[in-house]
């Protein structure tokens, strides 16, 4: 029974990582496309809260539930597909951590533009490009991890 509970928690965590990432990307893209600093500031503020509440919690719990599941199932932690999942998890983190900082900075720059009654500055647009590009490898890595969890290929 403990194994099944952990498995459900692990699947929910994967769903939260995937879903929150996709949702955040969608809402940030839609806000950015408006060019409206007020809307961008608000959306980026909500995104920062969502990343803190949902993504960060799942990021912490996934390796714990995954490690316990591997142990209970008798898999060595550096077993083929598990080791590759962990490597992809690190890739996700390498891109996600800077993205969180970028979101905070873009939010702050949008707020500054609203206060000054000015359009978004060039540094906001540079950060946006970095944010947008960084999402692809992180998202692809999460999709890869989910595939590995389902298929459990042998290497």
N, C-alpha and C. Protein backbone atom coordinates (compact mmCIF):
# COMPACT_ATOMS: atom_id res chain seq x y z
N UNK A 1 0.81 -1.20 0.00
CA UNK A 1 0.00 0.00 0.00
C UNK A 1 0.86 1.27 0.00
N UNK A 2 1.94 1.28 0.77
CA UNK A 2 2.83 2.44 0.82
C UNK A 2 3.42 2.72 -0.56
N UNK A 3 3.75 1.65 -1.30
CA UNK A 3 4.31 1.81 -2.64
C UNK A 3 3.31 2.51 -3.56
N UNK A 4 2.06 2.09 -3.50
CA UNK A 4 1.04 2.69 -4.35
C UNK A 4 0.78 4.15 -3.99
N UNK A 5 0.79 4.46 -2.73
CA UNK A 5 0.61 5.86 -2.30
C UNK A 5 1.77 6.71 -2.81
N UNK A 6 2.99 6.21 -2.66
CA UNK A 6 4.16 6.94 -3.17
C UNK A 6 4.07 7.11 -4.68
N UNK A 7 3.63 6.06 -5.37
CA UNK A 7 3.53 6.12 -6.83
C UNK A 7 2.51 7.19 -7.25
N UNK A 8 1.37 7.23 -6.57
CA UNK A 8 0.36 8.26 -6.87
C UNK A 8 0.95 9.65 -6.62
N UNK A 9 1.62 9.83 -5.50
CA UNK A 9 2.25 11.13 -5.20
C UNK A 9 3.29 11.50 -6.25
N UNK A 10 4.04 10.51 -6.70
CA UNK A 10 5.07 10.75 -7.71
C UNK A 10 4.45 11.16 -9.05
N UNK A 11 3.38 10.49 -9.43
CA UNK A 11 2.69 10.82 -10.68
C UNK A 11 2.05 12.21 -10.57
N UNK A 12 1.46 12.51 -9.43
CA UNK A 12 0.89 13.86 -9.23
C UNK A 12 2.01 14.91 -9.33
N UNK A 13 3.15 14.63 -8.73
CA UNK A 13 4.28 15.57 -8.82
C UNK A 13 4.72 15.79 -10.25
N UNK A 14 4.80 14.71 -11.03
CA UNK A 14 5.19 14.84 -12.44
C UNK A 14 4.15 15.65 -13.21
N UNK A 15 2.89 15.42 -12.89
CA UNK A 15 1.80 16.16 -13.52
C UNK A 15 1.88 17.64 -13.18
N UNK A 16 2.17 17.93 -11.92
CA UNK A 16 2.30 19.33 -11.50
C UNK A 16 3.47 20.00 -12.22
N UNK A 17 4.62 19.32 -12.31
CA UNK A 17 5.77 19.90 -13.01
C UNK A 17 5.43 20.18 -14.47
N UNK A 18 4.85 19.19 -15.13
CA UNK A 18 4.51 19.34 -16.54
C UNK A 18 3.42 20.40 -16.73
N UNK A 19 2.35 20.29 -15.95
CA UNK A 19 1.22 21.18 -16.12
C UNK A 19 1.52 22.62 -15.74
N UNK A 20 2.21 22.80 -14.63
CA UNK A 20 2.56 24.16 -14.22
C UNK A 20 3.51 24.79 -15.23
N UNK A 21 4.48 24.00 -15.69
CA UNK A 21 5.41 24.51 -16.70
C UNK A 21 4.70 24.93 -17.97
N UNK A 22 3.79 24.09 -18.45
CA UNK A 22 3.05 24.41 -19.67
C UNK A 22 2.15 25.62 -19.45
N UNK A 23 1.47 25.66 -18.31
CA UNK A 23 0.57 26.77 -18.01
C UNK A 23 1.31 28.09 -17.89
N UNK A 24 2.42 28.07 -17.17
CA UNK A 24 3.22 29.27 -17.00
C UNK A 24 3.71 29.78 -18.36
N UNK A 25 4.20 28.86 -19.17
CA UNK A 25 4.69 29.25 -20.50
C UNK A 25 3.57 29.88 -21.33
N UNK A 26 2.40 29.27 -21.30
CA UNK A 26 1.27 29.79 -22.07
C UNK A 26 0.88 31.20 -21.60
N UNK A 27 0.70 31.37 -20.29
CA UNK A 27 0.24 32.66 -19.79
C UNK A 27 1.29 33.75 -19.96
N UNK A 28 2.56 33.40 -19.78
CA UNK A 28 3.61 34.40 -20.01
C UNK A 28 3.66 34.80 -21.49
N UNK A 29 3.53 33.82 -22.37
CA UNK A 29 3.54 34.12 -23.81
C UNK A 29 2.36 35.02 -24.18
N UNK A 30 1.18 34.69 -23.70
CA UNK A 30 0.00 35.48 -24.02
C UNK A 30 0.13 36.91 -23.48
N UNK A 31 0.64 37.04 -22.27
CA UNK A 31 0.83 38.39 -21.70
C UNK A 31 1.87 39.16 -22.49
N UNK A 32 2.98 38.50 -22.81
CA UNK A 32 4.06 39.17 -23.55
C UNK A 32 3.57 39.67 -24.90
N UNK A 33 2.76 38.87 -25.57
CA UNK A 33 2.28 39.24 -26.90
C UNK A 33 1.46 40.52 -26.90
N UNK A 34 0.85 40.86 -25.76
CA UNK A 34 0.07 42.10 -25.70
C UNK A 34 0.97 43.33 -25.71
N UNK A 35 2.19 43.19 -25.19
CA UNK A 35 3.09 44.34 -25.07
C UNK A 35 2.67 45.30 -23.97
N UNK A 36 1.64 44.96 -23.23
CA UNK A 36 1.11 45.83 -22.17
C UNK A 36 1.87 45.58 -20.87
N UNK A 37 2.69 46.55 -20.43
CA UNK A 37 3.48 46.35 -19.21
C UNK A 37 2.63 46.01 -17.98
N UNK A 38 1.44 46.59 -17.91
CA UNK A 38 0.56 46.34 -16.76
C UNK A 38 0.14 44.86 -16.73
N UNK A 39 -0.27 44.34 -17.86
CA UNK A 39 -0.69 42.94 -17.95
C UNK A 39 0.50 42.00 -17.73
N UNK A 40 1.63 42.35 -18.30
CA UNK A 40 2.83 41.54 -18.15
C UNK A 40 3.27 41.51 -16.68
N UNK A 41 3.25 42.66 -16.03
CA UNK A 41 3.64 42.74 -14.61
C UNK A 41 2.72 41.87 -13.77
N UNK A 42 1.43 41.96 -14.02
CA UNK A 42 0.48 41.16 -13.24
C UNK A 42 0.68 39.67 -13.49
N UNK A 43 0.76 39.28 -14.76
CA UNK A 43 0.92 37.87 -15.11
C UNK A 43 2.22 37.32 -14.56
N UNK A 44 3.31 38.05 -14.72
CA UNK A 44 4.60 37.59 -14.22
C UNK A 44 4.57 37.45 -12.70
N UNK A 45 3.85 38.34 -12.03
CA UNK A 45 3.71 38.23 -10.58
C UNK A 45 2.99 36.96 -10.17
N UNK A 46 1.92 36.62 -10.89
CA UNK A 46 1.18 35.39 -10.61
C UNK A 46 2.04 34.17 -10.93
N UNK A 47 2.79 34.25 -12.01
CA UNK A 47 3.66 33.15 -12.42
C UNK A 47 4.73 32.87 -11.36
N UNK A 48 5.29 33.92 -10.79
CA UNK A 48 6.30 33.76 -9.74
C UNK A 48 5.69 33.04 -8.53
N UNK A 49 4.47 33.40 -8.18
CA UNK A 49 3.79 32.74 -7.06
C UNK A 49 3.52 31.27 -7.40
N UNK A 50 3.04 31.01 -8.61
CA UNK A 50 2.75 29.62 -9.02
C UNK A 50 4.03 28.79 -9.02
N UNK A 51 5.11 29.35 -9.53
CA UNK A 51 6.39 28.62 -9.52
C UNK A 51 6.83 28.31 -8.10
N UNK A 52 6.64 29.26 -7.20
CA UNK A 52 7.04 29.07 -5.81
C UNK A 52 6.17 28.01 -5.13
N UNK A 53 4.87 28.12 -5.28
CA UNK A 53 3.96 27.19 -4.60
C UNK A 53 3.96 25.79 -5.20
N UNK A 54 3.81 25.72 -6.51
CA UNK A 54 3.60 24.43 -7.15
C UNK A 54 4.89 23.80 -7.68
N UNK A 55 5.59 24.51 -8.54
CA UNK A 55 6.77 23.93 -9.17
C UNK A 55 7.85 23.61 -8.14
N UNK A 56 8.16 24.56 -7.27
CA UNK A 56 9.23 24.33 -6.29
C UNK A 56 8.89 23.17 -5.36
N UNK A 57 7.62 23.06 -4.95
CA UNK A 57 7.22 21.95 -4.09
C UNK A 57 7.40 20.62 -4.81
N UNK A 58 6.95 20.55 -6.06
CA UNK A 58 7.11 19.32 -6.83
C UNK A 58 8.58 19.00 -7.08
N UNK A 59 9.37 20.03 -7.33
CA UNK A 59 10.81 19.84 -7.57
C UNK A 59 11.47 19.17 -6.36
N UNK A 60 11.06 19.57 -5.18
CA UNK A 60 11.64 18.99 -3.95
C UNK A 60 11.12 17.56 -3.73
N UNK A 61 9.82 17.35 -3.94
CA UNK A 61 9.23 16.05 -3.62
C UNK A 61 9.52 14.96 -4.65
N UNK A 62 9.71 15.31 -5.92
CA UNK A 62 9.93 14.30 -6.95
C UNK A 62 11.12 13.37 -6.67
N UNK A 63 12.29 13.91 -6.36
CA UNK A 63 13.40 12.98 -6.11
C UNK A 63 13.19 12.15 -4.85
N UNK A 64 12.46 12.69 -3.88
CA UNK A 64 12.21 11.93 -2.65
C UNK A 64 11.28 10.77 -2.95
N UNK A 65 10.13 11.05 -3.59
CA UNK A 65 9.20 9.96 -3.90
C UNK A 65 9.82 8.99 -4.91
N UNK A 66 10.54 9.51 -5.88
CA UNK A 66 11.19 8.64 -6.87
C UNK A 66 12.25 7.76 -6.25
N UNK A 67 13.05 8.31 -5.36
CA UNK A 67 14.08 7.52 -4.69
C UNK A 67 13.49 6.43 -3.83
N UNK A 68 12.43 6.77 -3.10
CA UNK A 68 11.76 5.76 -2.27
C UNK A 68 11.12 4.68 -3.12
N UNK A 69 10.51 5.06 -4.24
CA UNK A 69 9.92 4.07 -5.14
C UNK A 69 10.98 3.13 -5.71
N UNK A 70 12.10 3.69 -6.14
CA UNK A 70 13.18 2.87 -6.69
C UNK A 70 13.70 1.89 -5.63
N UNK A 71 13.87 2.39 -4.42
CA UNK A 71 14.36 1.55 -3.33
C UNK A 71 13.36 0.42 -3.04
N UNK A 72 12.08 0.75 -2.95
CA UNK A 72 11.06 -0.25 -2.65
C UNK A 72 10.92 -1.28 -3.78
N UNK A 73 11.15 -0.85 -5.01
CA UNK A 73 11.04 -1.77 -6.16
C UNK A 73 12.32 -2.56 -6.38
N UNK A 74 13.37 -2.21 -5.64
CA UNK A 74 14.63 -2.93 -5.78
C UNK A 74 15.52 -2.46 -6.91
N UNK A 75 15.25 -1.27 -7.44
CA UNK A 75 16.11 -0.72 -8.50
C UNK A 75 17.28 0.01 -7.87
N UNK A 76 18.49 -0.23 -8.36
CA UNK A 76 19.60 0.63 -7.92
C UNK A 76 19.35 2.06 -8.42
N UNK A 77 19.71 3.05 -7.64
CA UNK A 77 19.41 4.44 -7.97
C UNK A 77 20.09 4.88 -9.27
N UNK A 78 21.19 4.25 -9.60
CA UNK A 78 21.86 4.60 -10.86
C UNK A 78 21.59 3.56 -11.94
N UNK A 79 20.46 2.87 -11.84
CA UNK A 79 19.99 1.92 -12.84
C UNK A 79 19.69 2.68 -14.13
N UNK A 80 19.93 2.12 -15.28
CA UNK A 80 19.79 2.73 -16.60
C UNK A 80 18.79 3.86 -16.74
N UNK A 81 17.51 3.54 -16.79
CA UNK A 81 16.51 4.58 -17.05
C UNK A 81 16.37 5.54 -15.87
N UNK A 82 16.64 5.05 -14.66
CA UNK A 82 16.57 5.95 -13.49
C UNK A 82 17.72 6.95 -13.54
N UNK A 83 18.91 6.47 -13.88
CA UNK A 83 20.06 7.36 -13.99
C UNK A 83 19.83 8.41 -15.07
N UNK A 84 19.26 7.99 -16.19
CA UNK A 84 18.97 8.95 -17.27
C UNK A 84 17.90 9.95 -16.83
N UNK A 85 16.90 9.48 -16.08
CA UNK A 85 15.87 10.39 -15.54
C UNK A 85 16.50 11.43 -14.63
N UNK A 86 17.42 10.98 -13.77
CA UNK A 86 18.09 11.92 -12.87
C UNK A 86 18.93 12.94 -13.64
N UNK A 87 19.60 12.48 -14.70
CA UNK A 87 20.39 13.40 -15.53
C UNK A 87 19.47 14.44 -16.19
N UNK A 88 18.33 13.99 -16.69
CA UNK A 88 17.38 14.92 -17.30
C UNK A 88 16.78 15.86 -16.26
N UNK A 89 16.64 15.38 -15.04
CA UNK A 89 16.15 16.21 -13.94
C UNK A 89 17.13 17.34 -13.65
N UNK A 90 18.40 17.02 -13.70
CA UNK A 90 19.44 18.05 -13.52
C UNK A 90 19.38 19.06 -14.67
N UNK A 91 19.20 18.56 -15.90
CA UNK A 91 19.07 19.46 -17.06
C UNK A 91 17.89 20.41 -16.85
N UNK A 92 16.77 19.85 -16.40
CA UNK A 92 15.59 20.68 -16.13
C UNK A 92 15.93 21.77 -15.12
N UNK A 93 16.59 21.39 -14.04
CA UNK A 93 16.96 22.35 -13.00
C UNK A 93 17.91 23.41 -13.49
N UNK A 94 18.86 23.02 -14.34
CA UNK A 94 19.83 23.98 -14.87
C UNK A 94 19.13 25.08 -15.66
N UNK A 95 18.03 24.73 -16.33
CA UNK A 95 17.29 25.74 -17.08
C UNK A 95 16.20 26.40 -16.24
N UNK A 96 15.60 25.66 -15.31
CA UNK A 96 14.49 26.22 -14.53
C UNK A 96 14.95 27.28 -13.53
N UNK A 97 16.05 27.03 -12.84
CA UNK A 97 16.50 28.01 -11.84
C UNK A 97 16.76 29.39 -12.43
N UNK A 98 17.47 29.49 -13.56
CA UNK A 98 17.63 30.83 -14.14
C UNK A 98 16.30 31.42 -14.62
N UNK A 99 15.38 30.56 -15.08
CA UNK A 99 14.09 31.04 -15.55
C UNK A 99 13.31 31.71 -14.42
N UNK A 100 13.42 31.17 -13.22
CA UNK A 100 12.76 31.79 -12.07
C UNK A 100 13.31 33.19 -11.85
N UNK A 101 14.62 33.34 -11.90
CA UNK A 101 15.23 34.67 -11.76
C UNK A 101 14.78 35.58 -12.90
N UNK A 102 14.74 35.05 -14.14
CA UNK A 102 14.31 35.86 -15.28
C UNK A 102 12.87 36.35 -15.09
N UNK A 103 12.00 35.47 -14.59
CA UNK A 103 10.60 35.85 -14.35
C UNK A 103 10.51 36.98 -13.34
N UNK A 104 11.28 36.87 -12.27
CA UNK A 104 11.30 37.92 -11.25
C UNK A 104 11.77 39.24 -11.85
N UNK A 105 12.82 39.17 -12.63
CA UNK A 105 13.38 40.39 -13.22
C UNK A 105 12.43 40.99 -14.25
N UNK A 106 11.82 40.15 -15.08
CA UNK A 106 10.86 40.65 -16.08
C UNK A 106 9.66 41.29 -15.38
N UNK A 107 9.20 40.68 -14.30
CA UNK A 107 8.10 41.26 -13.51
C UNK A 107 8.49 42.65 -13.02
N UNK A 108 9.70 42.74 -12.45
CA UNK A 108 10.15 44.02 -11.90
C UNK A 108 10.31 45.08 -12.99
N UNK A 109 10.83 44.68 -14.14
CA UNK A 109 10.99 45.64 -15.24
C UNK A 109 9.62 46.10 -15.76
N UNK A 110 8.66 45.18 -15.81
CA UNK A 110 7.31 45.56 -16.26
C UNK A 110 6.67 46.50 -15.24
N UNK A 111 6.87 46.23 -13.96
CA UNK A 111 6.34 47.12 -12.92
C UNK A 111 6.95 48.51 -13.02
N UNK A 112 8.27 48.56 -13.28
CA UNK A 112 8.94 49.85 -13.44
C UNK A 112 8.37 50.61 -14.63
N UNK A 113 8.11 49.91 -15.72
CA UNK A 113 7.53 50.55 -16.92
C UNK A 113 6.14 51.11 -16.60
N UNK A 114 5.36 50.37 -15.83
CA UNK A 114 4.02 50.84 -15.45
C UNK A 114 4.15 52.10 -14.60
N UNK A 115 5.02 52.07 -13.59
CA UNK A 115 5.20 53.24 -12.71
C UNK A 115 5.65 54.48 -13.48
N UNK A 116 6.53 54.25 -14.46
CA UNK A 116 7.06 55.37 -15.23
C UNK A 116 6.14 55.77 -16.39
N UNK A 117 5.13 54.94 -16.66
CA UNK A 117 4.24 55.22 -17.79
C UNK A 117 4.94 55.10 -19.12
N UNK A 118 5.92 54.19 -19.18
CA UNK A 118 6.72 54.02 -20.39
C UNK A 118 6.55 52.61 -20.94
N UNK A 119 6.95 52.39 -22.20
CA UNK A 119 6.92 51.04 -22.74
C UNK A 119 8.04 50.19 -22.12
N UNK A 120 7.98 48.92 -22.35
CA UNK A 120 9.01 48.01 -21.85
C UNK A 120 10.35 48.33 -22.50
N UNK A 121 11.39 48.30 -21.68
CA UNK A 121 12.73 48.61 -22.17
C UNK A 121 13.34 47.41 -22.90
N UNK A 122 14.45 47.67 -23.57
CA UNK A 122 15.14 46.63 -24.33
C UNK A 122 15.64 45.50 -23.43
N UNK A 123 16.03 45.81 -22.19
CA UNK A 123 16.52 44.74 -21.32
C UNK A 123 15.41 43.75 -20.98
N UNK A 124 14.16 44.22 -20.89
CA UNK A 124 13.04 43.28 -20.70
C UNK A 124 12.98 42.31 -21.88
N UNK A 125 13.08 42.84 -23.09
CA UNK A 125 12.96 42.00 -24.29
C UNK A 125 14.11 41.00 -24.40
N UNK A 126 15.29 41.40 -23.97
CA UNK A 126 16.42 40.45 -23.96
C UNK A 126 16.16 39.32 -22.96
N UNK A 127 15.66 39.68 -21.79
CA UNK A 127 15.34 38.66 -20.78
C UNK A 127 14.22 37.75 -21.28
N UNK A 128 13.23 38.33 -21.95
CA UNK A 128 12.14 37.52 -22.50
C UNK A 128 12.69 36.47 -23.47
N UNK A 129 13.59 36.89 -24.35
CA UNK A 129 14.16 35.94 -25.31
C UNK A 129 14.89 34.80 -24.60
N UNK A 130 15.67 35.13 -23.58
CA UNK A 130 16.36 34.09 -22.80
C UNK A 130 15.36 33.17 -22.12
N UNK A 131 14.32 33.76 -21.53
CA UNK A 131 13.28 32.99 -20.85
C UNK A 131 12.62 32.03 -21.83
N UNK A 132 12.25 32.54 -22.98
CA UNK A 132 11.54 31.75 -23.99
C UNK A 132 12.41 30.58 -24.48
N UNK A 133 13.64 30.87 -24.82
CA UNK A 133 14.55 29.83 -25.32
C UNK A 133 14.87 28.80 -24.25
N UNK A 134 15.01 29.22 -23.00
CA UNK A 134 15.35 28.30 -21.91
C UNK A 134 14.23 27.31 -21.62
N UNK A 135 13.02 27.66 -21.96
CA UNK A 135 11.90 26.77 -21.69
C UNK A 135 11.93 25.50 -22.51
N UNK A 136 12.45 25.54 -23.72
CA UNK A 136 12.41 24.37 -24.60
C UNK A 136 13.22 23.19 -24.06
N UNK A 137 14.49 23.37 -23.69
CA UNK A 137 15.22 22.21 -23.16
C UNK A 137 14.65 21.71 -21.83
N UNK A 138 14.20 22.63 -20.98
CA UNK A 138 13.62 22.21 -19.70
C UNK A 138 12.36 21.39 -19.93
N UNK A 139 11.49 21.87 -20.81
CA UNK A 139 10.24 21.17 -21.10
C UNK A 139 10.51 19.82 -21.77
N UNK A 140 11.46 19.80 -22.72
CA UNK A 140 11.81 18.54 -23.39
C UNK A 140 12.37 17.54 -22.39
N UNK A 141 13.16 18.00 -21.44
CA UNK A 141 13.71 17.10 -20.42
C UNK A 141 12.60 16.51 -19.56
N UNK A 142 11.60 17.30 -19.19
CA UNK A 142 10.48 16.78 -18.39
C UNK A 142 9.70 15.75 -19.20
N UNK A 143 9.46 16.02 -20.47
CA UNK A 143 8.77 15.04 -21.32
C UNK A 143 9.60 13.75 -21.39
N UNK A 144 10.91 13.89 -21.52
CA UNK A 144 11.79 12.71 -21.54
C UNK A 144 11.71 11.91 -20.25
N UNK A 145 11.67 12.59 -19.13
CA UNK A 145 11.57 11.92 -17.83
C UNK A 145 10.25 11.16 -17.73
N UNK A 146 9.17 11.79 -18.14
CA UNK A 146 7.86 11.11 -18.09
C UNK A 146 7.88 9.88 -18.99
N UNK A 147 8.45 10.00 -20.17
CA UNK A 147 8.55 8.85 -21.07
C UNK A 147 9.35 7.72 -20.41
N UNK A 148 10.47 8.07 -19.80
CA UNK A 148 11.29 7.05 -19.13
C UNK A 148 10.54 6.38 -17.98
N UNK A 149 9.77 7.16 -17.21
CA UNK A 149 9.01 6.59 -16.09
C UNK A 149 7.96 5.60 -16.59
N UNK A 150 7.35 5.91 -17.72
CA UNK A 150 6.30 5.03 -18.25
C UNK A 150 6.88 3.80 -18.93
N UNK A 151 7.86 3.99 -19.78
CA UNK A 151 8.41 2.91 -20.60
C UNK A 151 9.42 2.05 -19.84
N UNK A 152 10.22 2.66 -18.97
CA UNK A 152 11.27 1.98 -18.23
C UNK A 152 12.14 1.11 -19.16
N UNK A 153 12.73 1.75 -20.16
CA UNK A 153 13.53 0.97 -21.12
C UNK A 153 14.78 0.35 -20.47
N UNK A 154 15.25 -0.70 -21.05
CA UNK A 154 16.50 -1.30 -20.57
C UNK A 154 17.64 -0.79 -21.45
N UNK A 155 18.75 -0.52 -20.82
CA UNK A 155 19.93 -0.05 -21.55
C UNK A 155 21.05 -1.05 -21.39
